[in-house]
C-alpha atoms as a PDB file:
ATOM      1  CA  MET A   1     -65.407 -77.294 -96.524  1.00  0.00           C
ATOM      2  CA  GLU A   2     -63.345 -76.785 -93.456  1.00  0.00           C
ATOM      3  CA  PHE A   3     -59.656 -77.472 -92.975  1.00  0.00           C
ATOM      4  CA  SER A   4     -58.779 -78.759 -89.519  1.00  0.00           C
ATOM      5  CA  VAL A   5     -56.386 -76.762 -87.368  1.00  0.00           C
ATOM      6  CA  ALA A   6     -54.284 -79.894 -86.842  1.00  0.00           C
ATOM      7  CA  LYS A   7     -53.923 -80.415 -90.606  1.00  0.00           C
ATOM      8  CA  MET A   8     -52.952 -76.788 -91.106  1.00  0.00           C
ATOM      9  CA  LYS A   9     -50.337 -77.051 -88.361  1.00  0.00           C
ATOM     10  CA  ASP A  10     -48.949 -80.194 -89.996  1.00  0.00           C
ATOM     11  CA  MET A  11     -48.841 -78.478 -93.388  1.00  0.00           C
ATOM     12  CA  ILE A  12     -46.884 -75.526 -92.022  1.00  0.00           C
ATOM     13  CA  LYS A  13     -44.530 -77.767 -90.040  1.00  0.00           C
ATOM     14  CA  THR A  14     -43.672 -79.839 -93.132  1.00  0.00           C
ATOM     15  CA  GLN A  15     -42.514 -76.671 -94.896  1.00  0.00           C
ATOM     16  CA  GLY A  16     -40.161 -75.695 -92.111  1.00  0.00           C
ATOM     17  CA  ASP A  17     -39.403 -76.838 -88.619  1.00  0.00           C
ATOM     18  CA  LYS A  18     -41.362 -74.083 -86.868  1.00  0.00           C
ATOM     19  CA  ARG A  19     -43.927 -74.007 -84.108  1.00  0.00           C
ATOM     20  CA  VAL A  20     -47.381 -72.982 -85.250  1.00  0.00           C
ATOM     21  CA  SER A  21     -49.910 -71.011 -83.228  1.00  0.00           C
ATOM     22  CA  GLU A  22     -53.566 -71.968 -83.184  1.00  0.00           C
ATOM     23  CA  ASP A  23     -54.603 -68.687 -84.798  1.00  0.00           C
ATOM     24  CA  GLY A  24     -51.909 -69.023 -87.465  1.00  0.00           C
ATOM     25  CA  ALA A  25     -53.224 -72.451 -88.408  1.00  0.00           C
ATOM     26  CA  GLU A  26     -56.826 -71.205 -88.407  1.00  0.00           C
ATOM     27  CA  GLU A  27     -55.914 -68.270 -90.649  1.00  0.00           C
ATOM     28  CA  LEU A  28     -54.208 -70.572 -93.154  1.00  0.00           C
ATOM     29  CA  GLY A  29     -57.339 -72.729 -93.231  1.00  0.00           C
ATOM     30  CA  GLN A  30     -59.542 -69.701 -93.899  1.00  0.00           C
ATOM     31  CA  VAL A  31     -57.298 -68.474 -96.709  1.00  0.00           C
ATOM     32  CA  LEU A  32     -57.239 -71.924 -98.305  1.00  0.00           C
ATOM     33  CA  GLU A  33     -61.036 -72.139 -98.087  1.00  0.00           C
ATOM     34  CA  MET A  34     -61.384 -68.813 -99.907  1.00  0.00           C
ATOM     35  CA  PHE A  35     -58.869 -69.880-102.556  1.00  0.00           C
ATOM     36  CA  ALA A  36     -60.565 -73.265-103.013  1.00  0.00           C
ATOM     37  CA  GLY A  37     -63.947 -71.570-103.373  1.00  0.00           C
ATOM     38  CA  ASP A  38     -62.617 -69.249-106.060  1.00  0.00           C
ATOM     39  CA  VAL A  39     -61.030 -72.155-107.936  1.00  0.00           C
ATOM     40  CA  ALA A  40     -64.248 -74.183-107.654  1.00  0.00           C
ATOM     41  CA  GLU A  41     -66.305 -71.338-109.126  1.00  0.00           C
ATOM     42  CA  GLU A  42     -63.916 -70.943-112.049  1.00  0.00           C
ATOM     43  CA  THR A  43     -63.805 -74.717-112.562  1.00  0.00           C
ATOM     44  CA  ILE A  44     -67.598 -74.908-112.759  1.00  0.00           C
ATOM     45  CA  ALA A  45     -67.690 -72.034-115.240  1.00  0.00           C
ATOM     46  CA  ILE A  46     -65.138 -73.794-117.450  1.00  0.00           C
ATOM     47  CA  ALA A  47     -67.120 -77.049-117.426  1.00  0.00           C
ATOM     48  CA  GLU A  48     -70.303 -75.148-118.306  1.00  0.00           C
ATOM     49  CA  GLU A  49     -68.531 -73.329-121.154  1.00  0.00           C
ATOM     50  CA  LYS A  50     -67.605 -76.747-122.535  1.00  0.00           C
ATOM     51  CA  GLY A  51     -71.255 -77.815-122.297  1.00  0.00           C
ATOM     52  CA  ARG A  52     -70.744 -80.309-119.481  1.00  0.00           C
ATOM     53  CA  LYS A  53     -72.417 -80.797-116.129  1.00  0.00           C
ATOM     54  CA  THR A  54     -69.481 -82.815-114.829  1.00  0.00           C
ATOM     55  CA  VAL A  55     -66.323 -81.094-113.625  1.00  0.00           C
ATOM     56  CA  ARG A  56     -63.173 -82.901-114.740  1.00  0.00           C
ATOM     57  CA  ALA A  57     -59.576 -82.719-113.569  1.00  0.00           C
ATOM     58  CA  GLU A  58     -58.692 -80.825-116.749  1.00  0.00           C
ATOM     59  CA  ASP A  59     -61.196 -78.118-115.747  1.00  0.00           C
ATOM     60  CA  VAL A  60     -59.458 -77.704-112.399  1.00  0.00           C
ATOM     61  CA  ARG A  61     -56.068 -77.451-114.122  1.00  0.00           C
ATOM     62  CA  ASP A  62     -57.475 -74.904-116.591  1.00  0.00           C
ATOM     63  CA  ALA A  63     -58.915 -72.857-113.715  1.00  0.00           C
ATOM     64  CA  LEU A  64     -55.487 -72.652-112.117  1.00  0.00           C
ATOM     65  CA  ASN A  65     -53.793 -71.436-115.313  1.00  0.00           C
END
């Protein structure tokens, strides 16, 4: 999964009216990718613990708690 630089710039700009550098937007995308990967791994583990092959929204919520 890759987050576009443009999307990252938009995300930062919506949080505050600031200019965003290209490398700042790229770094945010990389951090979000790492975080999403960690959450995905935990989500899969939770679904497997419950004896399911399908990941559900509740598994994602549980992974974040």
